[in-house]
Amino acid sequence: MSVHAGSNAKEIIVVGSLNLDLVATVPRFPQPGETITGLDFERHTGGKGANQAVAAALAGARVRMIARHGSDGFEAHLLATLRETGVDTSGIMPVQGASGVAVILVTESGQNSIVVIPGSNGRLERKNIRAEEERIAASCLVLTQLETPLEILDETLSIAVHAGVPVMLDPAPVQPLRADILQRVTWLTPNETEAGTLVGVPVPDAEGLLNFVECLLAMGPQNVLLKLGSNGAFVATRTGLREHIAGHRVDVIDTTAAGDALNGAMAAALCNGADPVEAARFGVAAAALSVTRRGAIPSLPRLLEIERFRAVNGDHFQPKELESEVP
């Protein structure tokens, strides 16, 4: 599949967070009360909203972001990064005070632990979303997450659903969600940790995966994409599709933003007309590429990289369909 956004293509709207990522590479995660010596330190533009906006733009989509930045001097770097990758930043408004910050520990094996300080992200207001109502209503798809106040998600869903625009929700950082919120979500895209929290039990092994995904669907979303890390993803839809998308074997350096790479690339593919399975394959390939590089936004692959990766890795097969209809 080729994803190319023409000049007349509808845009993806991203409502979400914009952070400065402070990334420390460590030999291992410290224990409570322990001080360890780090191996390296870097600063990057991040935030799940910004990551997904850039991922979608690099994957070929037209993207506009709705967010807030602070007045602490970080904003020039944050906005420049988004603009350089093709994201429309005219929906990102200033607010006095600190910008959002994420403190990220990354081990040499590529695992990460993240603490997010909302800063300006916590001061995004309903009126900021209502001011973008026409753009949201005219968009192809809305990408959003939980790094902004829950009322922002509620307002975004109200506008999008009224206009018939699909919404892809990445439920991170995970928190309990009302049934009326989940029932308005088109695509719910948790990872294993988030899915386990939402359902109340850990994600099972392959044999129990189908029933687990049924539980996620029963919570209200129209469709589910369960992210399985190196094992790929599982797609389930209200129309009866149940399919596992295999992961790719790669040398993992840093898993930061892998889920964001998947969401952004999948959104770009859906807006280009891909069916859910093809869009998920495209997203899984983007995520696999992202973990071979350090950082969040610096790790996100471009369209041609994803297409070449898929071609080299023979990603054109039909994965085994586990079940064709909902019981």
Protein backbone atom coordinates (compact mmCIF):
# COMPACT_ATOMS: atom_id res chain seq x y z
CA MET A 1 0.00 0.00 0.00
CA SER A 2 1.17 3.50 -0.76
CA VAL A 3 0.01 6.39 1.41
CA HIS A 4 0.24 9.73 -0.35
CA ALA A 5 -1.74 12.76 0.79
CA GLY A 6 -2.84 14.86 -2.16
CA SER A 7 -3.53 18.57 -1.89
CA ASN A 8 -7.26 17.87 -1.65
CA ALA A 9 -6.95 15.10 0.94
CA LYS A 10 -8.82 15.63 4.19
CA GLU A 11 -6.59 16.32 7.17
CA ILE A 12 -6.13 14.35 10.35
CA ILE A 13 -6.77 16.40 13.49
CA VAL A 14 -4.65 15.55 16.53
CA VAL A 15 -5.91 16.78 19.90
CA GLY A 16 -3.28 16.13 22.50
CA SER A 17 -0.09 16.83 24.37
CA LEU A 18 3.10 18.63 23.43
CA ASN A 19 6.09 17.94 25.70
CA LEU A 20 9.78 18.39 26.05
CA ASP A 21 11.19 14.89 26.54
CA LEU A 22 14.17 14.62 28.91
CA VAL A 23 15.66 11.23 28.07
CA ALA A 24 18.25 9.48 30.23
CA THR A 25 19.83 6.22 29.03
CA VAL A 26 20.50 3.97 32.02
CA PRO A 27 22.05 0.52 32.52
CA ARG A 28 18.90 -0.53 34.40
CA PHE A 29 15.96 1.05 36.19
CA PRO A 30 16.86 2.26 39.71
CA GLN A 31 15.25 0.73 42.77
CA PRO A 32 13.29 2.98 45.21
CA GLY A 33 15.75 5.19 47.06
CA GLU A 34 18.66 4.21 44.81
CA THR A 35 20.88 6.54 42.78
CA ILE A 36 22.55 5.15 39.67
CA THR A 37 24.84 6.68 37.06
CA GLY A 38 23.29 7.29 33.67
CA LEU A 39 24.96 6.57 30.33
CA ASP A 40 23.62 9.42 28.19
CA PHE A 41 21.14 12.32 28.15
CA GLU A 42 19.15 13.91 25.31
CA ARG A 43 16.28 16.39 24.85
CA HIS A 44 13.57 15.85 22.25
CA THR A 45 10.15 17.16 21.30
CA GLY A 46 7.54 14.68 22.46
CA GLY A 47 4.17 14.16 24.10
CA LYS A 48 1.83 11.50 22.79
CA GLY A 49 -0.13 14.07 20.82
CA ALA A 50 2.93 15.52 19.11
CA ASN A 51 4.39 12.07 18.51
CA GLN A 52 1.24 10.85 16.79
CA ALA A 53 0.88 14.06 14.79
CA VAL A 54 4.42 13.73 13.44
CA ALA A 55 4.02 9.97 12.86
CA ALA A 56 0.92 10.59 10.73
CA ALA A 57 2.54 13.46 8.82
CA LEU A 58 5.70 11.50 8.07
CA ALA A 59 3.52 8.58 6.95
CA GLY A 60 1.95 10.76 4.27
CA ALA A 61 -1.06 12.45 5.87
CA ARG A 62 -2.06 16.11 6.14
CA VAL A 63 -2.07 16.83 9.88
CA ARG A 64 -3.21 19.70 12.08
CA MET A 65 -2.59 19.68 15.84
CA ILE A 66 -4.70 21.28 18.57
CA ALA A 67 -2.72 21.81 21.77
CA ARG A 68 -1.21 24.38 24.13
CA HIS A 69 2.41 25.31 24.76
CA GLY A 70 3.97 27.14 27.70
CA SER A 71 5.97 30.36 27.99
CA ASP A 72 9.16 28.91 29.49
CA GLY A 73 11.33 29.12 26.37
CA PHE A 74 10.78 25.52 25.28
CA GLU A 75 8.01 26.47 22.86
CA ALA A 76 10.24 27.68 20.00
CA HIS A 77 11.98 24.30 19.79
CA LEU A 78 8.74 22.35 20.19
CA LEU A 79 6.89 24.24 17.45
CA ALA A 80 9.87 24.21 15.08
CA THR A 81 10.10 20.42 15.31
CA LEU A 82 6.44 20.00 14.37
CA ARG A 83 6.65 22.46 11.48
CA GLU A 84 9.78 20.81 10.10
CA THR A 85 7.90 17.51 9.86
CA GLY A 86 4.90 19.06 8.09
CA VAL A 87 2.43 19.43 10.96
CA ASP A 88 0.12 22.46 10.85
CA THR A 89 0.71 24.18 14.22
CA SER A 90 -1.81 27.02 13.84
CA GLY A 91 -4.10 25.23 16.30
CA ILE A 92 -1.46 25.26 19.06
CA MET A 93 -2.12 28.22 21.38
CA PRO A 94 0.17 29.76 24.05
CA VAL A 95 -0.54 29.80 27.78
CA GLN A 96 1.49 31.34 30.60
CA GLY A 97 3.64 28.96 32.62
CA ALA A 98 5.52 25.75 32.12
CA SER A 99 5.32 23.56 29.06
CA GLY A 100 4.61 19.85 29.37
CA VAL A 101 7.64 17.75 30.29
CA ALA A 102 8.28 14.01 30.21
CA VAL A 103 11.14 12.45 32.18
CA ILE A 104 12.09 9.21 30.41
CA LEU A 105 14.47 6.47 31.51
CA VAL A 106 15.58 4.12 28.74
CA THR A 107 17.60 0.97 29.46
CA GLU A 108 20.26 -0.42 27.16
CA SER A 109 17.84 -3.22 26.24
CA GLY A 110 15.36 -0.63 24.94
CA GLN A 111 12.73 -0.68 27.68
CA ASN A 112 11.44 2.63 29.03
CA SER A 113 9.83 4.16 32.11
CA ILE A 114 8.12 7.54 31.77
CA VAL A 115 6.88 10.26 34.15
CA VAL A 116 4.75 12.98 32.51
CA ILE A 117 4.30 16.46 34.04
CA PRO A 118 1.32 17.99 32.19
CA GLY A 119 2.25 21.67 32.42
CA SER A 120 0.50 23.57 29.61
CA ASN A 121 -1.21 20.37 28.43
CA GLY A 122 -3.34 20.48 31.58
CA ARG A 123 -4.57 23.95 30.64
CA LEU A 124 -6.13 23.01 27.31
CA GLU A 125 -9.79 24.07 27.62
CA ARG A 126 -13.12 23.17 26.06
CA LYS A 127 -13.28 26.58 24.37
CA ASN A 128 -10.03 25.77 22.54
CA ILE A 129 -11.68 22.67 21.08
CA ARG A 130 -14.91 24.49 20.21
CA ALA A 131 -12.86 27.11 18.36
CA GLU A 132 -11.69 24.28 16.04
CA GLU A 133 -15.17 22.78 15.52
CA GLU A 134 -15.31 23.45 11.77
CA ARG A 135 -11.87 21.94 11.16
CA ILE A 136 -12.70 18.88 13.26
CA ALA A 137 -16.01 18.38 11.47
CA ALA A 138 -14.29 18.56 8.07
CA SER A 139 -11.45 16.19 8.98
CA CYS A 140 -10.87 12.59 7.97
CA LEU A 141 -10.12 11.32 11.47
CA VAL A 142 -9.31 12.62 14.96
CA LEU A 143 -6.39 11.22 16.94
CA THR A 144 -6.41 11.80 20.70
CA GLN A 145 -4.98 10.48 23.97
CA LEU A 146 -5.31 11.00 27.74
CA GLU A 147 -2.45 13.43 28.42
CA THR A 148 -4.92 16.35 28.42
CA PRO A 149 -7.94 16.81 30.74
CA LEU A 150 -10.76 14.30 30.31
CA GLU A 151 -13.17 17.13 29.52
CA ILE A 152 -11.13 17.77 26.37
CA LEU A 153 -11.74 14.22 25.19
CA ASP A 154 -15.45 14.60 25.98
CA GLU A 155 -15.70 17.83 23.96
CA THR A 156 -13.69 16.39 21.06
CA LEU A 157 -15.89 13.31 20.91
CA SER A 158 -19.07 15.40 21.00
CA ILE A 159 -18.00 17.47 17.99
CA ALA A 160 -16.58 14.53 16.02
CA VAL A 161 -19.50 12.18 16.58
CA HIS A 162 -22.01 14.89 15.64
CA ALA A 163 -20.09 15.41 12.39
CA GLY A 164 -19.66 11.70 11.69
CA VAL A 165 -15.86 11.88 12.02
CA PRO A 166 -14.11 8.76 13.41
CA VAL A 167 -12.04 9.14 16.58
CA MET A 168 -8.99 7.02 17.44
CA LEU A 169 -8.30 7.04 21.20
CA ASP A 170 -5.00 5.94 22.67
CA PRO A 171 -5.97 5.44 26.35
CA ALA A 172 -2.66 6.56 27.83
CA PRO A 173 -1.86 7.34 30.56
CA VAL A 174 -4.57 4.82 31.33
CA GLN A 175 -7.44 5.78 33.61
CA PRO A 176 -11.04 4.60 34.11
CA LEU A 177 -13.26 5.79 31.28
CA ARG A 178 -17.01 6.29 31.40
CA ALA A 179 -19.16 4.05 29.24
CA ASP A 180 -20.54 7.04 27.32
CA ILE A 181 -16.98 7.99 26.32
CA LEU A 182 -16.03 4.51 25.14
CA GLN A 183 -19.28 4.15 23.22
CA ARG A 184 -18.34 7.17 21.08
CA VAL A 185 -14.83 5.93 20.26
CA THR A 186 -14.29 4.50 16.78
CA TRP A 187 -10.87 2.96 17.44
CA LEU A 188 -9.63 2.11 20.93
CA THR A 189 -5.88 1.35 20.76
CA PRO A 190 -4.49 0.23 24.14
CA ASN A 191 -1.22 -1.57 24.71
CA GLU A 192 -1.18 -4.65 26.93
CA THR A 193 -0.72 -2.72 30.18
CA GLU A 194 -3.50 -0.27 29.38
CA ALA A 195 -5.85 -3.00 28.16
CA GLY A 196 -5.29 -4.99 31.34
CA THR A 197 -6.18 -1.95 33.44
CA LEU A 198 -9.32 -1.21 31.44
CA VAL A 199 -10.61 -4.79 31.57
CA GLY A 200 -9.41 -5.47 35.11
CA VAL A 201 -7.33 -8.57 34.31
CA PRO A 202 -3.94 -9.02 32.60
CA VAL A 203 -3.81 -9.68 28.88
CA PRO A 204 -3.68 -13.49 28.49
CA ASP A 205 -1.52 -15.59 26.21
CA ALA A 206 -2.48 -16.29 22.60
CA GLU A 207 -5.09 -18.93 23.50
CA GLY A 208 -7.11 -16.50 25.60
CA LEU A 209 -6.55 -13.40 23.47
CA LEU A 210 -9.77 -13.64 21.47
CA ASN A 211 -12.01 -13.66 24.55
CA PHE A 212 -10.01 -10.80 26.05
CA VAL A 213 -10.52 -8.65 22.97
CA GLU A 214 -14.24 -9.44 23.11
CA CYS A 215 -14.22 -7.92 26.61
CA LEU A 216 -12.64 -4.74 25.25
CA LEU A 217 -15.26 -4.50 22.50
CA ALA A 218 -18.03 -5.09 25.04
CA MET A 219 -16.94 -1.91 26.85
CA GLY A 220 -18.33 0.12 23.95
CA PRO A 221 -15.83 1.08 21.23
CA GLN A 222 -16.70 0.28 17.63
CA ASN A 223 -13.28 -1.23 16.95
CA VAL A 224 -10.21 -2.29 18.92
CA LEU A 225 -6.54 -2.40 18.03
CA LEU A 226 -4.69 -4.17 20.84
CA LYS A 227 -0.97 -3.41 20.68
CA LEU A 228 1.13 -6.47 21.52
CA GLY A 229 4.65 -5.05 21.36
CA SER A 230 7.02 -7.34 19.49
CA ASN A 231 4.08 -9.69 18.82
CA GLY A 232 2.38 -7.11 16.60
CA ALA A 233 -1.27 -6.24 17.15
CA PHE A 234 -4.76 -7.72 17.23
CA VAL A 235 -7.59 -6.10 15.26
CA ALA A 236 -11.23 -6.59 16.22
CA THR A 237 -14.23 -4.79 14.72
CA ARG A 238 -17.97 -4.65 15.35
CA THR A 239 -18.48 -6.11 11.88
CA GLY A 240 -16.88 -9.39 12.96
CA LEU A 241 -13.23 -9.09 11.94
CA ARG A 242 -10.80 -10.82 14.31
CA GLU A 243 -7.22 -10.85 13.08
CA HIS A 244 -3.74 -11.01 14.51
CA ILE A 245 -1.10 -8.90 12.75
CA ALA A 246 2.32 -10.46 13.21
CA GLY A 247 5.20 -8.35 14.52
CA HIS A 248 8.62 -7.95 12.90
CA ARG A 249 11.95 -9.17 14.22
CA VAL A 250 14.21 -6.14 14.65
CA ASP A 251 17.09 -5.07 16.89
CA VAL A 252 15.39 -3.08 19.65
CA ILE A 253 17.18 0.05 20.82
CA ASP A 254 14.39 2.16 22.35
CA THR A 255 10.66 1.41 22.57
CA THR A 256 9.67 5.03 23.33
CA ALA A 257 6.88 6.19 20.99
CA ALA A 258 6.45 2.80 19.28
CA GLY A 259 2.74 2.88 20.06
CA ASP A 260 2.52 6.45 18.78
CA ALA A 261 4.24 5.41 15.55
CA LEU A 262 1.62 2.69 15.12
CA ASN A 263 -1.31 5.02 15.79
CA GLY A 264 -0.10 7.80 13.51
CA ALA A 265 0.80 5.51 10.62
CA MET A 266 -2.42 3.52 10.94
CA ALA A 267 -4.46 6.74 10.94
CA ALA A 268 -2.66 7.90 7.79
CA ALA A 269 -3.41 4.58 6.11
CA LEU A 270 -7.09 4.60 7.11
CA CYS A 271 -7.47 8.11 5.71
CA ASN A 272 -5.92 6.92 2.46
CA GLY A 273 -8.64 4.28 2.14
CA ALA A 274 -6.89 1.23 3.61
CA ASP A 275 -9.04 -1.41 5.27
CA PRO A 276 -8.43 -2.03 9.00
CA VAL A 277 -6.10 -5.01 8.51
CA GLU A 278 -3.96 -3.29 5.89
CA ALA A 279 -3.85 -0.10 8.00
CA ALA A 280 -2.81 -2.12 11.05
CA ARG A 281 -0.04 -3.86 9.08
CA PHE A 282 1.22 -0.47 7.94
CA GLY A 283 1.17 0.76 11.55
CA VAL A 284 2.92 -2.32 12.92
CA ALA A 285 5.70 -1.87 10.36
CA ALA A 286 6.11 1.78 11.38
CA ALA A 287 6.30 0.78 15.04
CA ALA A 288 8.92 -1.89 14.28
CA LEU A 289 11.09 0.68 12.53
CA SER A 290 10.72 3.17 15.38
CA VAL A 291 12.16 0.85 18.03
CA THR A 292 15.42 0.54 16.08
CA ARG A 293 16.21 4.21 16.88
CA ARG A 294 16.51 6.33 20.02
CA GLY A 295 14.09 9.03 21.07
CA ALA A 296 10.43 9.67 20.34
CA ILE A 297 10.03 11.94 17.32
CA PRO A 298 13.58 11.22 16.06
CA SER A 299 12.62 7.54 15.83
CA LEU A 300 9.49 8.00 13.69
CA PRO A 301 9.84 6.67 10.13
CA ARG A 302 8.93 8.37 6.87
CA LEU A 303 6.53 6.92 4.31
CA LEU A 304 9.20 5.58 1.95
CA GLU A 305 11.04 3.94 4.84
CA ILE A 306 7.88 2.11 5.90
CA GLU A 307 7.14 0.98 2.34
CA ARG A 308 10.71 -0.25 1.80
CA PHE A 309 10.73 -2.03 5.16
CA ARG A 310 7.51 -3.84 4.28
CA ALA A 311 8.83 -4.82 0.86
CA VAL A 312 12.10 -6.17 2.26
CA ASN A 313 10.29 -8.06 5.03
CA GLY A 314 7.67 -9.57 2.74
CA ASP A 315 4.81 -7.84 4.51
CA HIS A 316 2.25 -8.61 1.84
CA PHE A 317 0.85 -11.92 3.12
CA GLN A 318 -2.62 -12.59 4.54
CA PRO A 319 -2.26 -13.33 8.28
CA LYS A 320 -4.33 -16.25 9.54
CA GLU A 321 -7.81 -15.04 10.39
CA LEU A 322 -8.62 -16.38 13.85
CA GLU A 323 -12.38 -15.92 13.57
CA SER A 324 -14.54 -14.44 10.87
CA GLU A 325 -17.66 -13.61 12.84
CA VAL A 326 -18.58 -12.47 16.30
CA PRO A 327 -20.05 -15.40 18.24
